[in-house]
Protein backbone atom coordinates (compact mmCIF):
# COMPACT_ATOMS: atom_id res chain seq x y z
CA MET A 1 100.34 92.06 44.45
CA SER A 2 99.42 95.69 43.67
CA THR A 3 101.52 97.98 41.49
CA SER A 4 102.75 101.55 41.64
CA SER A 5 102.02 104.21 39.05
CA SER A 6 105.20 103.15 37.24
CA GLY A 7 103.97 99.58 36.94
CA GLN A 8 106.38 98.21 39.56
CA PRO A 9 104.99 95.73 42.12
CA LEU A 10 104.22 97.10 45.58
CA SER A 11 105.21 95.36 48.80
CA GLY A 12 102.86 95.33 51.78
CA ASP A 13 104.85 98.23 53.25
CA ASP A 14 104.39 100.29 50.09
CA ALA A 15 100.70 99.44 50.00
CA HIS A 16 100.34 100.65 53.60
CA LEU A 17 102.14 103.86 52.60
CA ARG A 18 99.85 104.42 49.64
CA VAL A 19 96.73 104.00 51.74
CA LEU A 20 98.16 106.83 53.86
CA GLY A 21 98.36 109.01 50.74
CA TYR A 22 102.03 108.81 49.71
CA GLU A 23 104.14 107.15 47.02
CA GLU A 24 107.36 105.32 47.80
CA ASN A 25 110.34 107.73 47.57
CA PHE A 26 113.07 105.90 49.48
CA ASP A 27 114.91 102.58 49.38
CA ARG A 28 114.03 100.30 52.31
CA LYS A 29 117.63 99.50 53.28
CA ILE A 30 117.48 100.23 57.01
CA GLY A 31 116.67 96.88 58.61
CA MET A 32 115.48 96.16 62.16
CA TRP A 33 118.91 96.31 63.78
CA SER A 34 120.02 99.29 61.74
CA ASN A 35 116.82 101.08 62.73
CA PHE A 36 117.43 100.25 66.38
CA ALA A 37 121.07 101.28 65.99
CA LEU A 38 120.00 104.65 64.55
CA GLY A 39 117.75 105.37 67.53
CA PHE A 40 120.36 104.03 69.96
CA LEU A 41 123.05 106.24 68.45
CA TYR A 42 120.81 109.31 68.40
CA LEU A 43 120.16 108.64 72.09
CA SER A 44 123.83 107.58 72.37
CA PRO A 45 124.39 106.60 76.02
CA LEU A 46 128.17 106.75 75.58
CA VAL A 47 128.04 110.28 74.16
CA ALA A 48 125.56 111.35 76.84
CA VAL A 49 127.74 110.02 79.67
CA LEU A 50 130.92 111.52 78.22
CA SER A 51 129.19 114.87 77.70
CA MET A 52 127.29 115.10 80.99
CA PHE A 53 129.47 113.23 83.52
CA THR A 54 131.31 116.31 84.72
CA GLN A 55 128.14 118.41 84.86
CA ALA A 56 126.33 115.69 86.83
CA LEU A 57 129.00 115.23 89.49
CA THR A 58 129.84 118.90 89.98
CA THR A 59 126.14 119.78 90.25
CA ALA A 60 124.75 117.08 92.55
CA GLY A 61 127.47 114.49 93.11
CA PRO A 62 127.04 110.73 92.57
CA PRO A 63 123.31 110.66 93.54
CA SER A 64 122.60 112.52 90.30
CA ILE A 65 122.46 109.08 88.63
CA ILE A 66 118.98 108.65 90.14
CA TRP A 67 117.73 110.85 87.31
CA LEU A 68 118.78 108.17 84.83
CA LEU A 69 116.20 105.84 86.39
CA VAL A 70 113.45 108.46 86.70
CA ALA A 71 113.81 109.60 83.09
CA ALA A 72 113.97 106.02 81.84
CA GLY A 73 110.55 105.23 83.29
CA GLY A 74 108.96 108.40 81.95
CA GLN A 75 110.38 108.19 78.46
CA LEU A 76 109.47 104.52 78.16
CA LEU A 77 105.83 105.61 78.55
CA VAL A 78 106.33 108.17 75.78
CA ALA A 79 108.01 105.56 73.56
CA MET A 80 105.00 103.27 74.01
CA VAL A 81 102.61 106.02 72.94
CA PHE A 82 104.78 106.79 69.92
CA GLY A 83 105.00 103.09 69.12
CA GLU A 84 101.32 102.59 68.49
CA ILE A 85 101.11 105.86 66.53
CA VAL A 86 104.01 104.99 64.20
CA SER A 87 102.58 101.50 63.80
CA GLN A 88 99.52 103.09 62.21
CA PHE A 89 101.42 105.90 60.47
CA PRO A 90 104.88 104.61 59.40
CA ILE A 91 105.71 107.76 57.41
CA ALA A 92 108.95 109.76 57.03
CA GLY A 93 108.75 112.84 59.17
CA GLY A 94 107.67 111.17 62.37
CA LEU A 95 106.27 113.70 64.81
CA TYR A 96 104.99 116.04 62.10
CA GLN A 97 103.03 113.31 60.36
CA TRP A 98 101.69 111.85 63.59
CA ALA A 99 100.41 115.21 64.83
CA ARG A 100 98.89 116.04 61.43
CA ARG A 101 96.97 112.78 61.21
CA LEU A 102 95.90 112.84 64.85
CA TRP A 103 94.80 116.49 64.78
CA ASN A 104 95.41 118.84 61.81
CA GLY A 105 97.99 120.66 59.71
CA LYS A 106 98.08 123.85 61.79
CA TYR A 107 98.79 121.91 64.99
CA ALA A 108 101.44 119.82 63.24
CA TRP A 109 103.08 122.91 61.77
CA ILE A 110 103.95 124.64 65.04
CA LEU A 111 104.96 121.32 66.63
CA SER A 112 107.38 120.63 63.79
CA TRP A 113 108.81 124.15 63.80
CA ILE A 114 109.69 123.80 67.47
CA TYR A 115 110.97 120.25 67.11
CA ILE A 116 113.22 121.13 64.16
CA SER A 117 114.82 123.84 66.28
CA GLY A 118 115.53 121.22 68.96
CA VAL A 119 117.11 118.86 66.43
CA VAL A 120 119.35 121.64 65.09
CA VAL A 121 120.51 122.53 68.59
CA GLY A 122 121.01 118.82 69.29
CA CYS A 123 123.44 118.58 66.37
CA THR A 124 125.14 121.69 67.72
CA THR A 125 125.68 120.49 71.28
CA THR A 126 126.71 116.93 70.32
CA ALA A 127 129.35 118.20 67.90
CA MET A 128 130.68 120.73 70.41
CA PHE A 129 130.82 118.22 73.27
CA SER A 130 133.19 116.13 71.11
CA ALA A 131 135.88 118.83 71.09
CA ASP A 132 137.53 117.91 74.41
CA PHE A 133 137.86 114.27 73.36
CA VAL A 134 139.31 115.15 69.96
CA LEU A 135 141.97 117.26 71.70
CA ALA A 136 142.68 114.52 74.23
CA LEU A 137 143.23 112.07 71.36
CA PHE A 138 145.96 114.22 69.81
CA HIS A 139 147.40 115.77 72.95
CA GLY A 140 149.87 114.32 75.42
CA ASP A 141 147.83 115.57 78.40
CA SER A 142 144.48 113.79 78.36
CA ASP A 143 143.09 116.06 81.10
CA ILE A 144 142.56 119.00 78.77
CA SER A 145 139.71 121.35 77.93
CA SER A 146 139.17 122.89 74.51
CA THR A 147 139.09 126.64 73.94
CA PRO A 148 136.05 128.31 72.30
CA GLY A 149 137.98 128.57 69.03
CA GLN A 150 138.94 124.89 69.11
CA LYS A 151 135.34 123.92 69.82
CA LEU A 152 134.18 125.94 66.81
CA VAL A 153 136.68 124.34 64.42
CA ILE A 154 136.29 120.76 65.66
CA ALA A 155 132.49 120.90 65.77
CA THR A 156 132.34 122.33 62.24
CA ILE A 157 134.54 119.53 60.90
CA MET A 158 132.41 116.94 62.71
CA VAL A 159 129.18 118.28 61.18
CA LEU A 160 130.66 118.48 57.67
CA ILE A 161 131.97 114.90 57.80
CA ALA A 162 128.53 113.71 58.89
CA LEU A 163 126.95 115.71 56.04
CA VAL A 164 129.20 114.10 53.42
CA LEU A 165 128.48 110.60 54.73
CA ASN A 166 124.73 111.19 54.99
CA SER A 167 124.64 112.48 51.41
CA THR A 168 125.81 109.13 50.06
CA GLY A 169 122.55 107.34 50.87
CA SER A 170 120.58 105.24 53.35
CA LYS A 171 122.98 102.31 53.03
CA THR A 172 125.86 104.40 54.36
CA LEU A 173 123.68 105.63 57.21
CA ALA A 174 122.71 102.04 58.06
CA THR A 175 126.34 100.91 57.94
CA ILE A 176 127.62 103.76 60.11
CA ALA A 177 124.74 103.15 62.53
CA LYS A 178 125.80 99.51 62.99
CA VAL A 179 129.48 100.43 63.31
CA GLY A 180 128.58 103.14 65.80
CA LEU A 181 126.44 100.69 67.76
CA ALA A 182 129.36 98.29 68.01
CA ALA A 183 131.59 101.15 69.15
CA GLU A 184 129.02 102.23 71.75
CA LEU A 185 128.68 98.74 73.18
CA ALA A 186 132.45 98.22 73.25
CA GLY A 187 133.02 101.58 74.89
CA ILE A 188 130.36 100.94 77.52
CA ILE A 189 130.38 97.21 78.28
CA LEU A 190 134.04 96.27 77.82
CA VAL A 191 135.45 99.39 79.44
CA GLY A 192 132.77 99.37 82.13
CA LEU A 193 133.46 95.77 83.09
CA PHE A 194 137.21 96.38 83.10
CA LEU A 195 136.82 99.35 85.44
CA LEU A 196 134.45 97.57 87.81
CA ILE A 197 136.44 94.34 88.02
CA PHE A 198 140.05 95.53 87.98
CA HIS A 199 140.07 99.20 88.95
CA ARG A 200 137.31 99.88 91.44
CA GLU A 201 138.59 102.58 93.78
CA ASN A 202 135.38 103.46 95.63
CA ASP A 203 132.73 101.56 97.54
CA PHE A 204 129.17 101.34 96.19
CA SER A 205 128.07 103.53 99.09
CA VAL A 206 129.54 106.60 97.34
CA LEU A 207 126.64 106.43 94.89
CA PHE A 208 124.48 107.83 97.71
CA ASP A 209 127.03 110.35 99.03
CA THR A 210 126.57 113.98 97.92
CA MET A 211 130.26 114.63 98.75
CA GLY A 212 129.53 118.29 99.50
CA ALA A 213 127.85 119.11 96.18
CA GLY A 214 125.18 121.80 96.16
CA ASP A 215 126.86 124.44 98.35
CA GLY A 216 124.37 123.99 101.16
CA ASP A 217 121.26 123.86 98.94
CA TYR A 218 121.31 120.25 97.81
CA PHE A 219 117.65 120.03 96.89
CA ASN A 220 118.00 122.77 94.30
CA ALA A 221 121.24 121.24 93.04
CA PHE A 222 119.62 117.82 92.72
CA VAL A 223 116.66 119.24 90.79
CA THR A 224 119.07 121.10 88.49
CA ALA A 225 120.82 117.80 87.82
CA ALA A 226 117.60 116.46 86.24
CA ILE A 227 118.99 117.55 82.88
CA ILE A 228 121.41 114.60 83.11
CA GLY A 229 118.58 112.10 82.72
CA LEU A 230 116.44 114.26 80.45
CA VAL A 231 119.27 114.74 77.93
CA LEU A 232 119.98 111.02 77.77
CA TYR A 233 116.56 109.66 76.78
CA TYR A 234 116.15 111.74 73.67
CA GLY A 235 116.51 110.27 70.23
CA PHE A 236 114.42 107.09 70.23
CA GLU A 237 111.92 108.93 68.01
CA ALA A 238 114.57 108.91 65.24
CA CYS A 239 113.58 105.28 64.60
CA GLY A 240 110.28 106.60 63.25
CA GLU A 241 111.79 109.38 61.17
CA VAL A 242 113.15 106.80 58.71
CA ALA A 243 109.97 104.68 58.62
CA GLU A 244 109.85 104.79 54.81
CA GLU A 245 113.38 103.38 54.65
CA THR A 246 112.65 100.46 57.01
CA PRO A 247 111.02 97.14 56.01
CA ASN A 248 107.90 96.16 57.99
CA PRO A 249 108.00 99.44 59.96
CA SER A 250 104.57 98.93 61.53
CA ARG A 251 105.99 96.10 63.66
CA MET A 252 109.68 96.85 63.77
CA ILE A 253 109.79 100.51 64.75
CA PRO A 254 107.75 100.27 67.99
CA ARG A 255 110.13 97.54 69.14
CA SER A 256 113.16 99.61 68.14
CA MET A 257 111.90 102.62 70.10
CA MET A 258 111.36 100.69 73.32
CA LEU A 259 114.62 98.76 72.98
CA THR A 260 116.42 102.07 72.51
CA VAL A 261 115.10 103.45 75.79
CA ILE A 262 115.59 100.24 77.81
CA LEU A 263 119.01 99.18 76.52
CA GLY A 264 120.28 102.74 76.14
CA GLY A 265 119.32 103.58 79.70
CA ALA A 266 120.82 100.39 81.11
CA ALA A 267 124.07 100.99 79.21
CA ALA A 268 124.30 104.60 80.41
CA LEU A 269 123.67 103.64 84.04
CA PHE A 270 126.28 100.89 83.85
CA SER A 271 128.83 103.26 82.34
CA PHE A 272 128.06 106.07 84.78
CA VAL A 273 128.46 103.81 87.81
CA GLY A 274 131.68 102.34 86.40
CA TYR A 275 133.34 105.74 86.06
CA ILE A 276 132.25 106.86 89.53
CA LEU A 277 133.54 103.71 91.23
CA ALA A 278 136.83 103.76 89.30
CA ALA A 279 137.63 107.43 89.89
CA PRO A 280 140.81 107.69 92.01
CA ASN A 281 140.06 111.35 92.80
CA LEU A 282 136.27 111.37 93.02
CA GLN A 283 136.16 114.23 95.51
CA GLY A 284 138.29 116.36 93.19
CA ILE A 285 135.88 115.70 90.33
CA VAL A 286 132.86 116.69 92.46
CA ASP A 287 134.72 119.84 93.55
CA GLY A 288 135.39 120.78 89.92
CA GLU A 289 139.16 120.41 90.17
CA VAL A 290 139.53 117.97 87.25
CA ALA A 291 139.12 119.51 83.77
CA ASN A 292 138.29 116.31 81.87
CA PRO A 293 137.36 113.58 84.39
CA ILE A 294 136.61 110.76 81.93
CA THR A 295 139.98 110.88 80.18
CA ALA A 296 141.72 111.36 83.54
CA ILE A 297 140.06 108.20 84.90
CA LEU A 298 140.88 106.24 81.76
CA ASN A 299 144.49 107.41 81.74
CA ASP A 300 144.89 106.19 85.32
CA THR A 301 143.32 102.81 84.55
CA LEU A 302 143.94 102.01 80.88
CA GLY A 303 147.20 103.88 80.38
CA THR A 304 147.95 106.26 77.53
CA PHE A 305 147.55 103.76 74.70
CA GLY A 306 144.32 102.28 76.07
CA THR A 307 142.90 105.76 76.54
CA LYS A 308 143.68 106.69 72.93
CA VAL A 309 141.93 103.54 71.69
CA PHE A 310 138.89 104.37 73.79
CA LEU A 311 138.85 107.94 72.44
CA VAL A 312 138.75 106.63 68.87
CA VAL A 313 135.77 104.47 69.82
CA ALA A 314 134.10 107.40 71.59
CA LEU A 315 134.58 109.76 68.65
CA THR A 316 133.08 107.14 66.33
CA SER A 317 130.00 107.31 68.54
CA PHE A 318 129.97 111.12 68.43
CA LEU A 319 130.12 111.06 64.63
CA ALA A 320 127.38 108.42 64.38
CA CYS A 321 125.23 110.42 66.79
CA VAL A 322 125.57 113.60 64.70
CA MET A 323 124.75 111.58 61.57
CA GLY A 324 121.63 110.21 63.23
CA GLN A 325 120.50 113.67 64.27
CA GLN A 326 121.08 115.03 60.78
CA ALA A 327 119.18 112.12 59.23
CA ALA A 328 116.20 112.52 61.55
CA GLY A 329 116.05 116.28 61.07
CA SER A 330 116.39 116.09 57.30
CA ARG A 331 113.60 113.50 56.99
CA LEU A 332 111.32 115.70 59.07
CA ILE A 333 112.05 118.76 56.91
CA PHE A 334 111.57 116.65 53.77
CA SER A 335 108.22 115.36 54.98
CA PHE A 336 107.22 118.88 56.00
CA ALA A 337 108.24 120.23 52.57
CA ARG A 338 106.63 117.34 50.67
CA ASP A 339 103.29 118.60 51.98
CA ASP A 340 104.22 122.19 50.93
CA MET A 341 104.24 123.24 54.58
CA PHE A 342 107.87 124.31 55.04
CA PRO A 343 109.44 127.62 53.92
CA GLY A 344 111.20 126.87 50.61
CA SER A 345 109.30 123.61 50.13
CA ARG A 346 110.26 123.36 46.44
CA VAL A 347 113.91 123.17 47.44
CA PHE A 348 113.66 120.95 50.50
CA LYS A 349 111.37 118.27 49.09
CA LYS A 350 113.87 117.29 46.39
CA ILE A 351 115.40 113.82 46.55
CA SER A 352 118.88 113.19 45.16
CA ALA A 353 119.82 110.35 42.82
CA ARG A 354 120.99 108.46 45.91
CA LYS A 355 117.48 108.73 47.41
CA VAL A 356 118.52 111.29 50.03
CA PRO A 357 116.76 114.61 50.81
CA VAL A 358 120.09 116.32 50.31
CA ASN A 359 118.93 119.96 50.50
CA ALA A 360 117.17 119.26 53.79
CA THR A 361 120.30 117.53 55.07
CA ILE A 362 122.42 120.56 54.13
CA ALA A 363 120.02 122.80 56.07
CA VAL A 364 120.24 120.63 59.19
CA ALA A 365 124.06 120.70 58.90
CA GLY A 366 124.34 124.42 58.10
CA LEU A 367 122.29 125.88 60.93
CA PRO A 368 124.47 124.35 63.70
CA ILE A 369 127.51 126.03 62.17
CA VAL A 370 125.79 129.38 62.70
CA LEU A 371 125.20 128.43 66.35
CA PHE A 372 128.85 127.41 66.73
CA PHE A 373 129.79 131.05 66.14
CA LEU A 374 127.22 132.22 68.69
CA LEU A 375 128.60 129.84 71.32
CA TYR A 376 132.11 131.02 70.49
CA PHE A 377 131.18 134.28 72.21
CA ILE A 378 129.29 132.68 75.14
CA PRO A 379 131.07 129.31 75.56
CA ASP A 380 129.91 128.76 79.14
CA ALA A 381 126.29 128.62 77.92
CA LEU A 382 126.72 125.27 76.17
CA PHE A 383 124.97 123.20 78.87
CA ARG A 384 122.19 125.77 79.19
CA VAL A 385 121.71 125.72 75.41
CA ALA A 386 121.41 121.93 75.71
CA ALA A 387 118.53 122.56 78.13
CA PHE A 388 116.77 124.52 75.36
CA GLN A 389 117.25 121.56 73.03
CA MET A 390 115.53 119.30 75.53
CA LEU A 391 112.76 121.80 76.30
CA ALA A 392 111.91 122.11 72.60
CA GLY A 393 112.04 118.34 72.12
CA TYR A 394 109.94 117.52 75.17
CA PHE A 395 107.36 120.14 74.20
CA ALA A 396 107.02 118.57 70.74
CA PHE A 397 106.81 115.09 72.30
CA GLN A 398 104.01 116.14 74.59
CA MET A 399 102.12 117.80 71.74
CA VAL A 400 102.03 114.37 70.09
CA VAL A 401 100.98 112.66 73.33
CA PHE A 402 98.26 115.28 73.88
CA ALA A 403 97.03 114.88 70.30
CA ALA A 404 96.84 111.11 70.83
CA LEU A 405 94.80 111.59 74.02
CA ARG A 406 92.47 113.99 72.22
CA ALA A 407 92.01 111.49 69.40
CA ARG A 408 91.18 108.79 71.93
CA THR A 409 88.42 110.96 73.40
CA LYS A 410 86.93 111.12 69.91
CA GLY A 411 86.96 107.36 69.50
CA TRP A 412 90.38 106.59 68.01
CA LYS A 413 91.55 103.04 68.60
CA PRO A 414 95.01 102.58 67.03
CA GLY A 415 94.84 100.29 64.00
CA GLY A 416 98.50 99.45 63.45
CA SER A 417 100.15 96.08 64.02
CA TRP A 418 101.34 97.13 67.49
CA THR A 419 98.97 98.66 70.06
CA LEU A 420 98.73 99.16 73.81
CA GLY A 421 95.16 97.88 73.96
CA LYS A 422 93.48 98.61 77.30
CA TRP A 423 96.69 100.19 78.59
CA GLY A 424 96.49 102.98 76.02
CA TRP A 425 94.75 105.48 78.30
CA PRO A 426 96.84 105.06 81.50
CA VAL A 427 100.13 104.94 79.60
CA SER A 428 99.26 108.08 77.61
CA VAL A 429 98.18 110.00 80.73
CA GLY A 430 101.35 108.93 82.56
CA ALA A 431 103.48 110.02 79.59
CA LEU A 432 101.82 113.44 79.57
CA ILE A 433 102.32 113.96 83.31
CA TYR A 434 105.98 112.99 83.04
CA GLY A 435 106.51 115.27 80.04
CA VAL A 436 104.92 118.33 81.62
CA ALA A 437 106.97 117.86 84.80
CA SER A 438 110.13 117.53 82.70
CA MET A 439 109.38 120.76 80.84
CA ILE A 440 108.97 122.61 84.14
CA LEU A 441 112.38 121.35 85.28
CA LEU A 442 114.02 122.28 81.97
CA ALA A 443 112.52 125.78 81.93
CA ARG A 444 113.82 126.64 85.41
CA PRO A 445 116.51 129.34 85.60
CA ASN A 446 120.10 128.34 86.23
CA GLY A 447 120.93 128.33 89.93
CA ASP A 448 123.96 130.59 89.51
CA THR A 449 122.60 134.02 90.44
CA SER A 450 125.82 135.70 89.31
CA LEU A 451 124.89 135.05 85.67
CA PRO A 452 123.07 137.70 83.64
CA PHE A 453 119.27 137.37 83.50
CA TYR A 454 119.21 136.24 79.86
CA ASP A 455 121.83 133.57 80.53
CA ARG A 456 120.03 132.12 83.56
CA TRP A 457 116.79 131.85 81.58
CA ILE A 458 118.38 131.03 78.20
CA ALA A 459 116.45 127.79 77.71
CA LEU A 460 113.03 129.35 78.24
CA ILE A 461 113.90 132.58 76.42
CA GLY A 462 115.19 130.66 73.41
CA PHE A 463 112.09 128.49 73.39
CA VAL A 464 109.74 131.50 73.53
CA ILE A 465 111.62 133.25 70.70
CA VAL A 466 111.43 130.16 68.46
CA ALA A 467 107.76 129.59 69.27
CA VAL A 468 106.79 133.25 68.68
CA ILE A 469 108.63 133.41 65.33
CA GLY A 470 106.90 130.21 64.27
CA LEU A 471 103.46 131.44 65.34
CA VAL A 472 103.93 134.78 63.57
CA TYR A 473 105.04 133.09 60.34
CA MET A 474 102.21 130.58 60.56
CA THR A 475 99.63 133.34 61.14
CA VAL A 476 100.89 135.55 58.31
CA ALA A 477 101.88 132.99 55.67
CA LYS A 478 99.30 130.32 56.55
CA PRO A 479 101.47 127.47 55.16
CA TYR A 480 98.96 124.88 56.35
CA GLU A 481 96.47 126.22 53.78
CA ARG A 482 98.82 125.41 50.90
CA SER A 483 98.79 121.72 51.62
CA SER A 484 96.21 119.19 50.49
CA ALA A 485 97.84 116.33 52.41
CA PRO A 486 95.54 114.21 54.60
CA GLU A 487 94.93 115.38 58.15
CA GLY A 488 92.78 114.46 61.12
CA ASP A 489 92.03 111.03 59.67
CA ALA A 490 93.37 108.81 62.46
CA ILE A 491 89.99 107.18 63.17
CA GLU A 492 89.23 106.58 59.48
CA ILE A 493 92.65 105.05 58.78
CA ALA A 494 92.51 102.89 61.90
CA ASN A 495 89.15 101.49 60.85
CA ARG A 496 90.43 100.75 57.33
CA LEU A 497 93.56 99.04 58.60
CA ARG A 498 91.58 96.88 61.01
CA GLY A 499 89.19 95.96 58.26
CA HIS A 500 91.93 94.95 55.84
CA HIS A 501 94.67 93.82 58.19
CA ARG A 502 96.03 90.37 57.37
CA SER A 503 99.30 88.56 56.97
CA ARG A 504 101.01 89.29 53.64
CA SER A 505 102.33 85.77 53.56
CA ASP A 506 98.82 84.30 53.76
CA GLU A 507 96.89 86.69 51.52
CA PRO A 508 99.29 88.65 49.25
CA ASP A 509 96.50 89.58 46.83
CA ARG A 510 94.80 91.76 49.43
CA ASP A 511 97.43 94.52 48.93
CA GLN A 512 95.46 95.51 45.84
CA GLU A 513 92.27 95.84 47.88
CA LEU A 514 94.00 97.90 50.58
CA VAL A 515 95.30 100.42 48.03
CA ARG A 516 92.08 100.55 46.00
CA ASP A 517 89.76 101.29 48.96
């Protein structure tokens, strides 16, 4: 068994990390199921359905659920590509590290800048979507909508609670992830089955009935509803952000990513269908006459007490989702700063006594609070701001996929424990095609021509502003020149891993050779 610079023995995971150029900084306390739970809760099918149900039905009616299937197939391809990359590079920071090793520091820098902006907005929208459900929990009328001021206060409290919990260490994050997973499954499976078996009000044929949605232009309405599916399948990459806190990440994380997409998508579809079929006033929901359809449906079926219990479960999922987003964003900033690539790197690469990048976590929590105040003045833009979140995320995803394809053209054959083998090329090309098509859909202007120009194009405008600021800073400050971290070594590392790959249980002494080479 090899040893660290402090004389402590290294596990196979630590040896793999050292061959990638890094020392162990974290405690590996996030096991397989906790890692899966973290990705599942970042994706959070329950939160996605609760947040997007009204938008889906008022935009394109029940057929909008088709986007859940389309997006599931596309994002599964992306998850497969990510799986074989993280298997070779199980490093905190995920997308940043993958892009750096597949291409170079400059490419990774702009990718990470854009992706961080998406994570920050993701924390913002998730926390704000929780406001209606918090009010319904404490209000006699469950069919209630929060005011802009209430959204600001509730979302701020949600983010601060998540910050406090995240600051206590990886063990707390793992525990909350498992509790949140249990809450998600209870909220989806138990409630879904109850609705379908005992309170089905509509025939399955309504799933294919537009019910008048679209105002005469259903094709445009249906395309606009794509955001329903695109928002859902976002978050599986969080499994890789905590790679240095997960035992045997080279094998475990690819599985976690794919399970997150498959099980998360199935759970969301099941939940979505259950609410549609149980809705006693489905036409009113499609027509926009019901302020908070989910709680209205639950109140009619579960009664007041049952609805309150469900809301507690749902809010547990919201909190766990925000925690997962904070954790993923903070690990990315930490990894970015550890390589002296992020503004204020000296501050953000610090690790607390509890082995948490606490300054980076504070940054990921603080920026959404600024956005809460912005959305206070333009509250109706919340769903369009969510489209920016997805556009930034999908752009970063496809930069990784493109970098992987480029590396393949140069001879890269992934050397991790999990690979796609001969399917690497077709899966990667399919993932890129899906991602580009998704970005086009997300960048489209809102169909409401009565909105101001900037509001209709807010997703694309926001993306361009973030990208331009990042490019200007990168050009002027040249942060990528300050780092001596490895880059563009995917082929070299893959060859070394293939040459030295073996089972730790059979040949434990080879860890020393892997580190020494």
